[in-house]
Amino acid sequence: KELWPPRDRMVEKFKAMREPYLSK
C-alpha cells in the first residue's frame, strides 16, 4: 500500500494516454 504511485497522477496520466486511441 505504501508504495503505490499517487492515484490522482495515475488517473491524469492514463486519461492522456487513452485520448489518442479514442480520437482515431
mmCIF file of all heavy atoms, coordinates in Angstrom:
data_MODEL
# 
_entry.id   MODEL 
# 
loop_
_atom_site.group_PDB 
_atom_site.id 
_atom_site.type_symbol 
_atom_site.label_atom_id 
_atom_site.label_alt_id 
_atom_site.label_comp_id 
_atom_site.label_asym_id 
_atom_site.label_entity_id 
_atom_site.label_seq_id 
_atom_site.pdbx_PDB_ins_code 
_atom_site.Cartn_x 
_atom_site.Cartn_y 
_atom_site.Cartn_z 
_atom_site.occupancy 
_atom_site.B_iso_or_equiv 
_atom_site.pdbx_formal_charge 
_atom_site.auth_seq_id 
_atom_site.auth_comp_id 
_atom_site.auth_asym_id 
_atom_site.auth_atom_id 
_atom_site.pdbx_PDB_model_num 
ATOM 1   N N   . LYS A 1 1  ? 0.810   -1.228 0.000   1.00 0.00 ? 1  LYS A N   1 
ATOM 2   C CA  . LYS A 1 1  ? 0.000   0.000  0.000   1.00 0.00 ? 1  LYS A CA  1 
ATOM 3   C C   . LYS A 1 1  ? 0.835   1.267  0.000   1.00 0.00 ? 1  LYS A C   1 
ATOM 4   O O   . LYS A 1 1  ? 0.526   2.231  -0.699  1.00 0.00 ? 1  LYS A O   1 
ATOM 5   C CB  . LYS A 1 1  ? -0.941  -0.016 1.203   1.00 0.00 ? 1  LYS A CB  1 
ATOM 6   C CG  . LYS A 1 1  ? -1.948  1.121  1.227   1.00 0.00 ? 1  LYS A CG  1 
ATOM 7   C CD  . LYS A 1 1  ? -2.916  0.950  2.392   1.00 0.00 ? 1  LYS A CD  1 
ATOM 8   C CE  . LYS A 1 1  ? -3.973  2.048  2.376   1.00 0.00 ? 1  LYS A CE  1 
ATOM 9   N NZ  . LYS A 1 1  ? -4.928  1.872  3.499   1.00 0.00 ? 1  LYS A NZ  1 
ATOM 10  N N   . GLU A 1 2  ? 1.908   1.269  0.781   1.00 0.00 ? 2  GLU A N   1 
ATOM 11  C CA  . GLU A 1 2  ? 2.692   2.496  0.937   1.00 0.00 ? 2  GLU A CA  1 
ATOM 12  C C   . GLU A 1 2  ? 3.513   2.846  -0.311  1.00 0.00 ? 2  GLU A C   1 
ATOM 13  O O   . GLU A 1 2  ? 4.073   3.939  -0.399  1.00 0.00 ? 2  GLU A O   1 
ATOM 14  C CB  . GLU A 1 2  ? 3.617   2.380  2.148   1.00 0.00 ? 2  GLU A CB  1 
ATOM 15  C CG  . GLU A 1 2  ? 4.738   1.363  1.987   1.00 0.00 ? 2  GLU A CG  1 
ATOM 16  C CD  . GLU A 1 2  ? 5.675   1.337  3.178   1.00 0.00 ? 2  GLU A CD  1 
ATOM 17  O OE1 . GLU A 1 2  ? 5.416   2.075  4.155   1.00 0.00 ? 2  GLU A OE1 1 
ATOM 18  O OE2 . GLU A 1 2  ? 6.661   0.586  3.123   1.00 0.00 ? 2  GLU A OE2 1 
ATOM 19  N N   . LEU A 1 3  ? 3.577   1.923  -1.250  1.00 0.00 ? 3  LEU A N   1 
ATOM 20  C CA  . LEU A 1 3  ? 4.436   2.124  -2.418  1.00 0.00 ? 3  LEU A CA  1 
ATOM 21  C C   . LEU A 1 3  ? 3.671   2.427  -3.710  1.00 0.00 ? 3  LEU A C   1 
ATOM 22  O O   . LEU A 1 3  ? 4.278   2.632  -4.750  1.00 0.00 ? 3  LEU A O   1 
ATOM 23  C CB  . LEU A 1 3  ? 5.321   0.889  -2.627  1.00 0.00 ? 3  LEU A CB  1 
ATOM 24  C CG  . LEU A 1 3  ? 6.292   0.591  -1.479  1.00 0.00 ? 3  LEU A CG  1 
ATOM 25  C CD1 . LEU A 1 3  ? 6.958   -0.760 -1.681  1.00 0.00 ? 3  LEU A CD1 1 
ATOM 26  C CD2 . LEU A 1 3  ? 7.344   1.682  -1.373  1.00 0.00 ? 3  LEU A CD2 1 
ATOM 27  N N   . TRP A 1 4  ? 2.323   2.473  -3.645  1.00 0.00 ? 4  TRP A N   1 
ATOM 28  C CA  . TRP A 1 4  ? 1.558   2.811  -4.845  1.00 0.00 ? 4  TRP A CA  1 
ATOM 29  C C   . TRP A 1 4  ? 1.846   4.244  -5.261  1.00 0.00 ? 4  TRP A C   1 
ATOM 30  O O   . TRP A 1 4  ? 1.997   5.126  -4.417  1.00 0.00 ? 4  TRP A O   1 
ATOM 31  C CB  . TRP A 1 4  ? 0.059   2.674  -4.595  1.00 0.00 ? 4  TRP A CB  1 
ATOM 32  C CG  . TRP A 1 4  ? -0.493  1.295  -4.447  1.00 0.00 ? 4  TRP A CG  1 
ATOM 33  C CD1 . TRP A 1 4  ? -1.273  0.844  -3.430  1.00 0.00 ? 4  TRP A CD1 1 
ATOM 34  C CD2 . TRP A 1 4  ? -0.362  0.187  -5.345  1.00 0.00 ? 4  TRP A CD2 1 
ATOM 35  N NE1 . TRP A 1 4  ? -1.625  -0.470 -3.616  1.00 0.00 ? 4  TRP A NE1 1 
ATOM 36  C CE2 . TRP A 1 4  ? -1.077  -0.902 -4.790  1.00 0.00 ? 4  TRP A CE2 1 
ATOM 37  C CE3 . TRP A 1 4  ? 0.299   0.007  -6.557  1.00 0.00 ? 4  TRP A CE3 1 
ATOM 38  C CZ2 . TRP A 1 4  ? -1.147  -2.142 -5.414  1.00 0.00 ? 4  TRP A CZ2 1 
ATOM 39  C CZ3 . TRP A 1 4  ? 0.223   -1.235 -7.169  1.00 0.00 ? 4  TRP A CZ3 1 
ATOM 40  C CH2 . TRP A 1 4  ? -0.489  -2.288 -6.608  1.00 0.00 ? 4  TRP A CH2 1 
ATOM 41  N N   . PRO A 1 5  ? 1.907   4.516  -6.570  1.00 0.00 ? 5  PRO A N   1 
ATOM 42  C CA  . PRO A 1 5  ? 2.060   5.903  -7.027  1.00 0.00 ? 5  PRO A CA  1 
ATOM 43  C C   . PRO A 1 5  ? 0.785   6.697  -6.734  1.00 0.00 ? 5  PRO A C   1 
ATOM 44  O O   . PRO A 1 5  ? -0.286  6.102  -6.558  1.00 0.00 ? 5  PRO A O   1 
ATOM 45  C CB  . PRO A 1 5  ? 2.297   5.762  -8.534  1.00 0.00 ? 5  PRO A CB  1 
ATOM 46  C CG  . PRO A 1 5  ? 1.734   4.434  -8.894  1.00 0.00 ? 5  PRO A CG  1 
ATOM 47  C CD  . PRO A 1 5  ? 1.885   3.561  -7.686  1.00 0.00 ? 5  PRO A CD  1 
ATOM 48  N N   . PRO A 1 6  ? 0.865   8.030  -6.676  1.00 0.00 ? 6  PRO A N   1 
ATOM 49  C CA  . PRO A 1 6  ? -0.311  8.846  -6.372  1.00 0.00 ? 6  PRO A CA  1 
ATOM 50  C C   . PRO A 1 6  ? -1.447  8.585  -7.366  1.00 0.00 ? 6  PRO A C   1 
ATOM 51  O O   . PRO A 1 6  ? -1.245  8.673  -8.582  1.00 0.00 ? 6  PRO A O   1 
ATOM 52  C CB  . PRO A 1 6  ? 0.205   10.288 -6.497  1.00 0.00 ? 6  PRO A CB  1 
ATOM 53  C CG  . PRO A 1 6  ? 1.688   10.170 -6.313  1.00 0.00 ? 6  PRO A CG  1 
ATOM 54  C CD  . PRO A 1 6  ? 2.076   8.836  -6.872  1.00 0.00 ? 6  PRO A CD  1 
ATOM 55  N N   . ARG A 1 7  ? -2.629  8.285  -6.843  1.00 0.00 ? 7  ARG A N   1 
ATOM 56  C CA  . ARG A 1 7  ? -3.747  7.909  -7.707  1.00 0.00 ? 7  ARG A CA  1 
ATOM 57  C C   . ARG A 1 7  ? -4.169  9.041  -8.641  1.00 0.00 ? 7  ARG A C   1 
ATOM 58  O O   . ARG A 1 7  ? -4.465  8.817  -9.807  1.00 0.00 ? 7  ARG A O   1 
ATOM 59  C CB  . ARG A 1 7  ? -4.937  7.450  -6.865  1.00 0.00 ? 7  ARG A CB  1 
ATOM 60  C CG  . ARG A 1 7  ? -6.082  6.914  -7.723  1.00 0.00 ? 7  ARG A CG  1 
ATOM 61  C CD  . ARG A 1 7  ? -7.257  6.436  -6.903  1.00 0.00 ? 7  ARG A CD  1 
ATOM 62  N NE  . ARG A 1 7  ? -8.342  6.006  -7.758  1.00 0.00 ? 7  ARG A NE  1 
ATOM 63  C CZ  . ARG A 1 7  ? -8.492  4.782  -8.246  1.00 0.00 ? 7  ARG A CZ  1 
ATOM 64  N NH1 . ARG A 1 7  ? -7.625  3.839  -7.930  1.00 0.00 ? 7  ARG A NH1 1 
ATOM 65  N NH2 . ARG A 1 7  ? -9.519  4.464  -9.030  1.00 0.00 ? 7  ARG A NH2 1 
ATOM 66  N N   . ASP A 1 8  ? -4.193  10.271 -8.136  1.00 0.00 ? 8  ASP A N   1 
ATOM 67  C CA  . ASP A 1 8  ? -4.632  11.385 -8.973  1.00 0.00 ? 8  ASP A CA  1 
ATOM 68  C C   . ASP A 1 8  ? -3.711  11.577 -10.174 1.00 0.00 ? 8  ASP A C   1 
ATOM 69  O O   . ASP A 1 8  ? -4.164  11.849 -11.290 1.00 0.00 ? 8  ASP A O   1 
ATOM 70  C CB  . ASP A 1 8  ? -4.744  12.681 -8.161  1.00 0.00 ? 8  ASP A CB  1 
ATOM 71  C CG  . ASP A 1 8  ? -3.445  13.056 -7.456  1.00 0.00 ? 8  ASP A CG  1 
ATOM 72  O OD1 . ASP A 1 8  ? -2.551  12.204 -7.305  1.00 0.00 ? 8  ASP A OD1 1 
ATOM 73  O OD2 . ASP A 1 8  ? -3.325  14.224 -7.034  1.00 0.00 ? 8  ASP A OD2 1 
ATOM 74  N N   . ARG A 1 9  ? -2.425  11.378 -9.966  1.00 0.00 ? 9  ARG A N   1 
ATOM 75  C CA  . ARG A 1 9  ? -1.469  11.485 -11.075 1.00 0.00 ? 9  ARG A CA  1 
ATOM 76  C C   . ARG A 1 9  ? -1.645  10.328 -12.052 1.00 0.00 ? 9  ARG A C   1 
ATOM 77  O O   . ARG A 1 9  ? -1.508  10.502 -13.270 1.00 0.00 ? 9  ARG A O   1 
ATOM 78  C CB  . ARG A 1 9  ? -0.033  11.507 -10.559 1.00 0.00 ? 9  ARG A CB  1 
ATOM 79  C CG  . ARG A 1 9  ? 0.376   12.788 -9.855  1.00 0.00 ? 9  ARG A CG  1 
ATOM 80  C CD  . ARG A 1 9  ? 1.858   12.768 -9.510  1.00 0.00 ? 9  ARG A CD  1 
ATOM 81  N NE  . ARG A 1 9  ? 2.695   12.796 -10.709 1.00 0.00 ? 9  ARG A NE  1 
ATOM 82  C CZ  . ARG A 1 9  ? 4.007   12.542 -10.709 1.00 0.00 ? 9  ARG A CZ  1 
ATOM 83  N NH1 . ARG A 1 9  ? 4.606   12.171 -9.592  1.00 0.00 ? 9  ARG A NH1 1 
ATOM 84  N NH2 . ARG A 1 9  ? 4.704   12.602 -11.835 1.00 0.00 ? 9  ARG A NH2 1 
ATOM 85  N N   . MET A 1 10 ? -1.949  9.145  -11.532 1.00 0.00 ? 10 MET A N   1 
ATOM 86  C CA  . MET A 1 10 ? -2.171  7.985  -12.399 1.00 0.00 ? 10 MET A CA  1 
ATOM 87  C C   . MET A 1 10 ? -3.415  8.189  -13.266 1.00 0.00 ? 10 MET A C   1 
ATOM 88  O O   . MET A 1 10 ? -3.394  7.897  -14.471 1.00 0.00 ? 10 MET A O   1 
ATOM 89  C CB  . MET A 1 10 ? -2.325  6.720  -11.551 1.00 0.00 ? 10 MET A CB  1 
ATOM 90  C CG  . MET A 1 10 ? -1.051  6.282  -10.862 1.00 0.00 ? 10 MET A CG  1 
ATOM 91  S SD  . MET A 1 10 ? 0.190   5.608  -11.999 1.00 0.00 ? 10 MET A SD  1 
ATOM 92  C CE  . MET A 1 10 ? -0.457  3.955  -12.262 1.00 0.00 ? 10 MET A CE  1 
ATOM 93  N N   . VAL A 1 11 ? -4.485  8.700  -12.666 1.00 0.00 ? 11 VAL A N   1 
ATOM 94  C CA  . VAL A 1 11 ? -5.709  8.970  -13.433 1.00 0.00 ? 11 VAL A CA  1 
ATOM 95  C C   . VAL A 1 11 ? -5.418  9.983  -14.528 1.00 0.00 ? 11 VAL A C   1 
ATOM 96  O O   . VAL A 1 11 ? -5.816  9.800  -15.697 1.00 0.00 ? 11 VAL A O   1 
ATOM 97  C CB  . VAL A 1 11 ? -6.826  9.477  -12.499 1.00 0.00 ? 11 VAL A CB  1 
ATOM 98  C CG1 . VAL A 1 11 ? -8.011  9.995  -13.321 1.00 0.00 ? 11 VAL A CG1 1 
ATOM 99  C CG2 . VAL A 1 11 ? -7.280  8.372  -11.555 1.00 0.00 ? 11 VAL A CG2 1 
ATOM 100 N N   . GLU A 1 12 ? -4.704  11.025 -14.184 1.00 0.00 ? 12 GLU A N   1 
ATOM 101 C CA  . GLU A 1 12 ? -4.363  12.059 -15.171 1.00 0.00 ? 12 GLU A CA  1 
ATOM 102 C C   . GLU A 1 12 ? -3.519  11.484 -16.300 1.00 0.00 ? 12 GLU A C   1 
ATOM 103 O O   . GLU A 1 12 ? -3.764  11.760 -17.485 1.00 0.00 ? 12 GLU A O   1 
ATOM 104 C CB  . GLU A 1 12 ? -3.600  13.188 -14.463 1.00 0.00 ? 12 GLU A CB  1 
ATOM 105 C CG  . GLU A 1 12 ? -3.223  14.346 -15.362 1.00 0.00 ? 12 GLU A CG  1 
ATOM 106 C CD  . GLU A 1 12 ? -2.458  15.432 -14.625 1.00 0.00 ? 12 GLU A CD  1 
ATOM 107 O OE1 . GLU A 1 12 ? -2.397  15.389 -13.374 1.00 0.00 ? 12 GLU A OE1 1 
ATOM 108 O OE2 . GLU A 1 12 ? -1.909  16.323 -15.295 1.00 0.00 ? 12 GLU A OE2 1 
ATOM 109 N N   . LYS A 1 13 ? -2.555  10.663 -15.943 1.00 0.00 ? 13 LYS A N   1 
ATOM 110 C CA  . LYS A 1 13 ? -1.670  10.074 -16.954 1.00 0.00 ? 13 LYS A CA  1 
ATOM 111 C C   . LYS A 1 13 ? -2.433  9.180  -17.918 1.00 0.00 ? 13 LYS A C   1 
ATOM 112 O O   . LYS A 1 13 ? -2.280  9.285  -19.140 1.00 0.00 ? 13 LYS A O   1 
ATOM 113 C CB  . LYS A 1 13 ? -0.554  9.280  -16.277 1.00 0.00 ? 13 LYS A CB  1 
ATOM 114 C CG  . LYS A 1 13 ? 0.278   8.482  -17.284 1.00 0.00 ? 13 LYS A CG  1 
ATOM 115 C CD  . LYS A 1 13 ? 1.304   7.597  -16.645 1.00 0.00 ? 13 LYS A CD  1 
ATOM 116 C CE  . LYS A 1 13 ? 1.967   6.726  -17.717 1.00 0.00 ? 13 LYS A CE  1 
ATOM 117 N NZ  . LYS A 1 13 ? 3.117   5.966  -17.218 1.00 0.00 ? 13 LYS A NZ  1 
ATOM 118 N N   . PHE A 1 14 ? -3.262  8.287  -17.369 1.00 0.00 ? 14 PHE A N   1 
ATOM 119 C CA  . PHE A 1 14 ? -3.930  7.319  -18.235 1.00 0.00 ? 14 PHE A CA  1 
ATOM 120 C C   . PHE A 1 14 ? -5.084  7.937  -19.020 1.00 0.00 ? 14 PHE A C   1 
ATOM 121 O O   . PHE A 1 14 ? -5.430  7.445  -20.098 1.00 0.00 ? 14 PHE A O   1 
ATOM 122 C CB  . PHE A 1 14 ? -4.363  6.101  -17.427 1.00 0.00 ? 14 PHE A CB  1 
ATOM 123 C CG  . PHE A 1 14 ? -3.223  5.161  -17.163 1.00 0.00 ? 14 PHE A CG  1 
ATOM 124 C CD1 . PHE A 1 14 ? -2.568  5.167  -15.938 1.00 0.00 ? 14 PHE A CD1 1 
ATOM 125 C CD2 . PHE A 1 14 ? -2.772  4.302  -18.149 1.00 0.00 ? 14 PHE A CD2 1 
ATOM 126 C CE1 . PHE A 1 14 ? -1.497  4.323  -15.699 1.00 0.00 ? 14 PHE A CE1 1 
ATOM 127 C CE2 . PHE A 1 14 ? -1.698  3.450  -17.925 1.00 0.00 ? 14 PHE A CE2 1 
ATOM 128 C CZ  . PHE A 1 14 ? -1.057  3.463  -16.697 1.00 0.00 ? 14 PHE A CZ  1 
ATOM 129 N N   . LYS A 1 15 ? -5.661  9.001  -18.516 1.00 0.00 ? 15 LYS A N   1 
ATOM 130 C CA  . LYS A 1 15 ? -6.621  9.756  -19.322 1.00 0.00 ? 15 LYS A CA  1 
ATOM 131 C C   . LYS A 1 15 ? -5.922  10.282 -20.571 1.00 0.00 ? 15 LYS A C   1 
ATOM 132 O O   . LYS A 1 15 ? -6.459  10.190 -21.690 1.00 0.00 ? 15 LYS A O   1 
ATOM 133 C CB  . LYS A 1 15 ? -7.188  10.925 -18.515 1.00 0.00 ? 15 LYS A CB  1 
ATOM 134 C CG  . LYS A 1 15 ? -8.368  10.597 -17.644 1.00 0.00 ? 15 LYS A CG  1 
ATOM 135 C CD  . LYS A 1 15 ? -8.898  11.865 -16.974 1.00 0.00 ? 15 LYS A CD  1 
ATOM 136 C CE  . LYS A 1 15 ? -10.119 11.567 -16.113 1.00 0.00 ? 15 LYS A CE  1 
ATOM 137 N NZ  . LYS A 1 15 ? -10.589 12.784 -15.411 1.00 0.00 ? 15 LYS A NZ  1 
ATOM 138 N N   . ALA A 1 16 ? -4.748  10.850 -20.378 1.00 0.00 ? 16 ALA A N   1 
ATOM 139 C CA  . ALA A 1 16 ? -3.980  11.398 -21.504 1.00 0.00 ? 16 ALA A CA  1 
ATOM 140 C C   . ALA A 1 16 ? -3.545  10.287 -22.457 1.00 0.00 ? 16 ALA A C   1 
ATOM 141 O O   . ALA A 1 16 ? -3.542  10.476 -23.680 1.00 0.00 ? 16 ALA A O   1 
ATOM 142 C CB  . ALA A 1 16 ? -2.774  12.159 -20.983 1.00 0.00 ? 16 ALA A CB  1 
ATOM 143 N N   . MET A 1 17 ? -3.175  9.120  -21.925 1.00 0.00 ? 17 MET A N   1 
ATOM 144 C CA  . MET A 1 17 ? -2.748  8.017  -22.780 1.00 0.00 ? 17 MET A CA  1 
ATOM 145 C C   . MET A 1 17 ? -3.912  7.458  -23.595 1.00 0.00 ? 17 MET A C   1 
ATOM 146 O O   . MET A 1 17 ? -3.730  6.996  -24.723 1.00 0.00 ? 17 MET A O   1 
ATOM 147 C CB  . MET A 1 17 ? -2.141  6.904  -21.921 1.00 0.00 ? 17 MET A CB  1 
ATOM 148 C CG  . MET A 1 17 ? -0.800  7.244  -21.315 1.00 0.00 ? 17 MET A CG  1 
ATOM 149 S SD  . MET A 1 17 ? -0.097  5.877  -20.352 1.00 0.00 ? 17 MET A SD  1 
ATOM 150 C CE  . MET A 1 17 ? 0.277   4.688  -21.640 1.00 0.00 ? 17 MET A CE  1 
ATOM 151 N N   . ARG A 1 18 ? -5.111  7.509  -23.019 1.00 0.00 ? 18 ARG A N   1 
ATOM 152 C CA  . ARG A 1 18 ? -6.283  6.942  -23.687 1.00 0.00 ? 18 ARG A CA  1 
ATOM 153 C C   . ARG A 1 18 ? -6.788  7.827  -24.833 1.00 0.00 ? 18 ARG A C   1 
ATOM 154 O O   . ARG A 1 18 ? -7.321  7.327  -25.830 1.00 0.00 ? 18 ARG A O   1 
ATOM 155 C CB  . ARG A 1 18 ? -7.393  6.757  -22.649 1.00 0.00 ? 18 ARG A CB  1 
ATOM 156 C CG  . ARG A 1 18 ? -8.673  6.128  -23.169 1.00 0.00 ? 18 ARG A CG  1 
ATOM 157 C CD  . ARG A 1 18 ? -9.619  5.867  -22.007 1.00 0.00 ? 18 ARG A CD  1 
ATOM 158 N NE  . ARG A 1 18 ? -10.842 5.216  -22.429 1.00 0.00 ? 18 ARG A NE  1 
ATOM 159 C CZ  . ARG A 1 18 ? -12.043 5.770  -22.382 1.00 0.00 ? 18 ARG A CZ  1 
ATOM 160 N NH1 . ARG A 1 18 ? -12.196 7.004  -21.911 1.00 0.00 ? 18 ARG A NH1 1 
ATOM 161 N NH2 . ARG A 1 18 ? -13.116 5.106  -22.788 1.00 0.00 ? 18 ARG A NH2 1 
ATOM 162 N N   . GLU A 1 19 ? -6.610  9.114  -24.704 1.00 0.00 ? 19 GLU A N   1 
ATOM 163 C CA  . GLU A 1 19 ? -7.208  10.068 -25.635 1.00 0.00 ? 19 GLU A CA  1 
ATOM 164 C C   . GLU A 1 19 ? -6.852  9.825  -27.098 1.00 0.00 ? 19 GLU A C   1 
ATOM 165 O O   . GLU A 1 19 ? -7.739  9.846  -27.971 1.00 0.00 ? 19 GLU A O   1 
ATOM 166 C CB  . GLU A 1 19 ? -6.819  11.506 -25.227 1.00 0.00 ? 19 GLU A CB  1 
ATOM 167 C CG  . GLU A 1 19 ? -7.571  12.591 -25.973 1.00 0.00 ? 19 GLU A CG  1 
ATOM 168 C CD  . GLU A 1 19 ? -9.077  12.474 -25.822 1.00 0.00 ? 19 GLU A CD  1 
ATOM 169 O OE1 . GLU A 1 19 ? -9.542  12.124 -24.725 1.00 0.00 ? 19 GLU A OE1 1 
ATOM 170 O OE2 . GLU A 1 19 ? -9.779  12.720 -26.818 1.00 0.00 ? 19 GLU A OE2 1 
ATOM 171 N N   . PRO A 1 20 ? -5.583  9.582  -27.437 1.00 0.00 ? 20 PRO A N   1 
ATOM 172 C CA  . PRO A 1 20 ? -5.258  9.353  -28.856 1.00 0.00 ? 20 PRO A CA  1 
ATOM 173 C C   . PRO A 1 20 ? -5.976  8.154  -29.463 1.00 0.00 ? 20 PRO A C   1 
ATOM 174 O O   . PRO A 1 20 ? -6.314  8.175  -30.648 1.00 0.00 ? 20 PRO A O   1 
ATOM 175 C CB  . PRO A 1 20 ? -3.737  9.127  -28.821 1.00 0.00 ? 20 PRO A CB  1 
ATOM 176 C CG  . PRO A 1 20 ? -3.269  9.779  -27.583 1.00 0.00 ? 20 PRO A CG  1 
ATOM 177 C CD  . PRO A 1 20 ? -4.377  9.590  -26.599 1.00 0.00 ? 20 PRO A CD  1 
ATOM 178 N N   . TYR A 1 21 ? -6.227  7.132  -28.660 1.00 0.00 ? 21 TYR A N   1 
ATOM 179 C CA  . TYR A 1 21 ? -6.939  5.956  -29.154 1.00 0.00 ? 21 TYR A CA  1 
ATOM 180 C C   . TYR A 1 21 ? -8.392  6.310  -29.498 1.00 0.00 ? 21 TYR A C   1 
ATOM 181 O O   . TYR A 1 21 ? -8.944  5.845  -30.492 1.00 0.00 ? 21 TYR A O   1 
ATOM 182 C CB  . TYR A 1 21 ? -6.929  4.840  -28.117 1.00 0.00 ? 21 TYR A CB  1 
ATOM 183 C CG  . TYR A 1 21 ? -5.577  4.227  -27.875 1.00 0.00 ? 21 TYR A CG  1 
ATOM 184 C CD1 . TYR A 1 21 ? -4.744  4.712  -26.885 1.00 0.00 ? 21 TYR A CD1 1 
ATOM 185 C CD2 . TYR A 1 21 ? -5.130  3.143  -28.629 1.00 0.00 ? 21 TYR A CD2 1 
ATOM 186 C CE1 . TYR A 1 21 ? -3.485  4.145  -26.649 1.00 0.00 ? 21 TYR A CE1 1 
ATOM 187 C CE2 . TYR A 1 21 ? -3.898  2.560  -28.398 1.00 0.00 ? 21 TYR A CE2 1 
ATOM 188 C CZ  . TYR A 1 21 ? -3.080  3.075  -27.415 1.00 0.00 ? 21 TYR A CZ  1 
ATOM 189 O OH  . TYR A 1 21 ? -1.843  2.514  -27.191 1.00 0.00 ? 21 TYR A OH  1 
ATOM 190 N N   . LEU A 1 22 ? -9.007  7.150  -28.665 1.00 0.00 ? 22 LEU A N   1 
ATOM 191 C CA  . LEU A 1 22 ? -10.414 7.498  -28.872 1.00 0.00 ? 22 LEU A CA  1 
ATOM 192 C C   . LEU A 1 22 ? -10.609 8.483  -29.994 1.00 0.00 ? 22 LEU A C   1 
ATOM 193 O O   . LEU A 1 22 ? -11.697 8.584  -30.564 1.00 0.00 ? 22 LEU A O   1 
ATOM 194 C CB  . LEU A 1 22 ? -10.998 8.075  -27.574 1.00 0.00 ? 22 LEU A CB  1 
ATOM 195 C CG  . LEU A 1 22 ? -10.932 7.179  -26.336 1.00 0.00 ? 22 LEU A CG  1 
ATOM 196 C CD1 . LEU A 1 22 ? -11.665 7.839  -25.179 1.00 0.00 ? 22 LEU A CD1 1 
ATOM 197 C CD2 . LEU A 1 22 ? -11.554 5.816  -26.620 1.00 0.00 ? 22 LEU A CD2 1 
ATOM 198 N N   . SER A 1 23 ? -9.557  9.204  -30.324 1.00 0.00 ? 23 SER A N   1 
ATOM 199 C CA  . SER A 1 23 ? -9.664  10.213 -31.383 1.00 0.00 ? 23 SER A CA  1 
ATOM 200 C C   . SER A 1 23 ? -9.312  9.661  -32.757 1.00 0.00 ? 23 SER A C   1 
ATOM 201 O O   . SER A 1 23 ? -9.284  10.410 -33.734 1.00 0.00 ? 23 SER A O   1 
ATOM 202 C CB  . SER A 1 23 ? -8.777  11.414 -31.053 1.00 0.00 ? 23 SER A CB  1 
ATOM 203 O OG  . SER A 1 23 ? -7.407  11.028 -30.969 1.00 0.00 ? 23 SER A OG  1 
ATOM 204 N N   . LYS A 1 24 ? -9.025  8.358  -32.827 1.00 0.00 ? 24 LYS A N   1 
ATOM 205 C CA  . LYS A 1 24 ? -8.724  7.745  -34.115 1.00 0.00 ? 24 LYS A CA  1 
ATOM 206 C C   . LYS A 1 24 ? -9.923  7.858  -35.046 1.00 0.00 ? 24 LYS A C   1 
ATOM 207 O O   . LYS A 1 24 ? -11.060 7.690  -34.618 1.00 0.00 ? 24 LYS A O   1 
ATOM 208 C CB  . LYS A 1 24 ? -8.350  6.273  -33.947 1.00 0.00 ? 24 LYS A CB  1 
ATOM 209 C CG  . LYS A 1 24 ? -7.013  6.017  -33.295 1.00 0.00 ? 24 LYS A CG  1 
ATOM 210 C CD  . LYS A 1 24 ? -6.647  4.545  -33.356 1.00 0.00 ? 24 LYS A CD  1 
ATOM 211 C CE  . LYS A 1 24 ? -7.653  3.684  -32.622 1.00 0.00 ? 24 LYS A CE  1 
ATOM 212 N NZ  . LYS A 1 24 ? -7.222  2.265  -32.572 1.00 0.00 ? 24 LYS A NZ  1 
# 
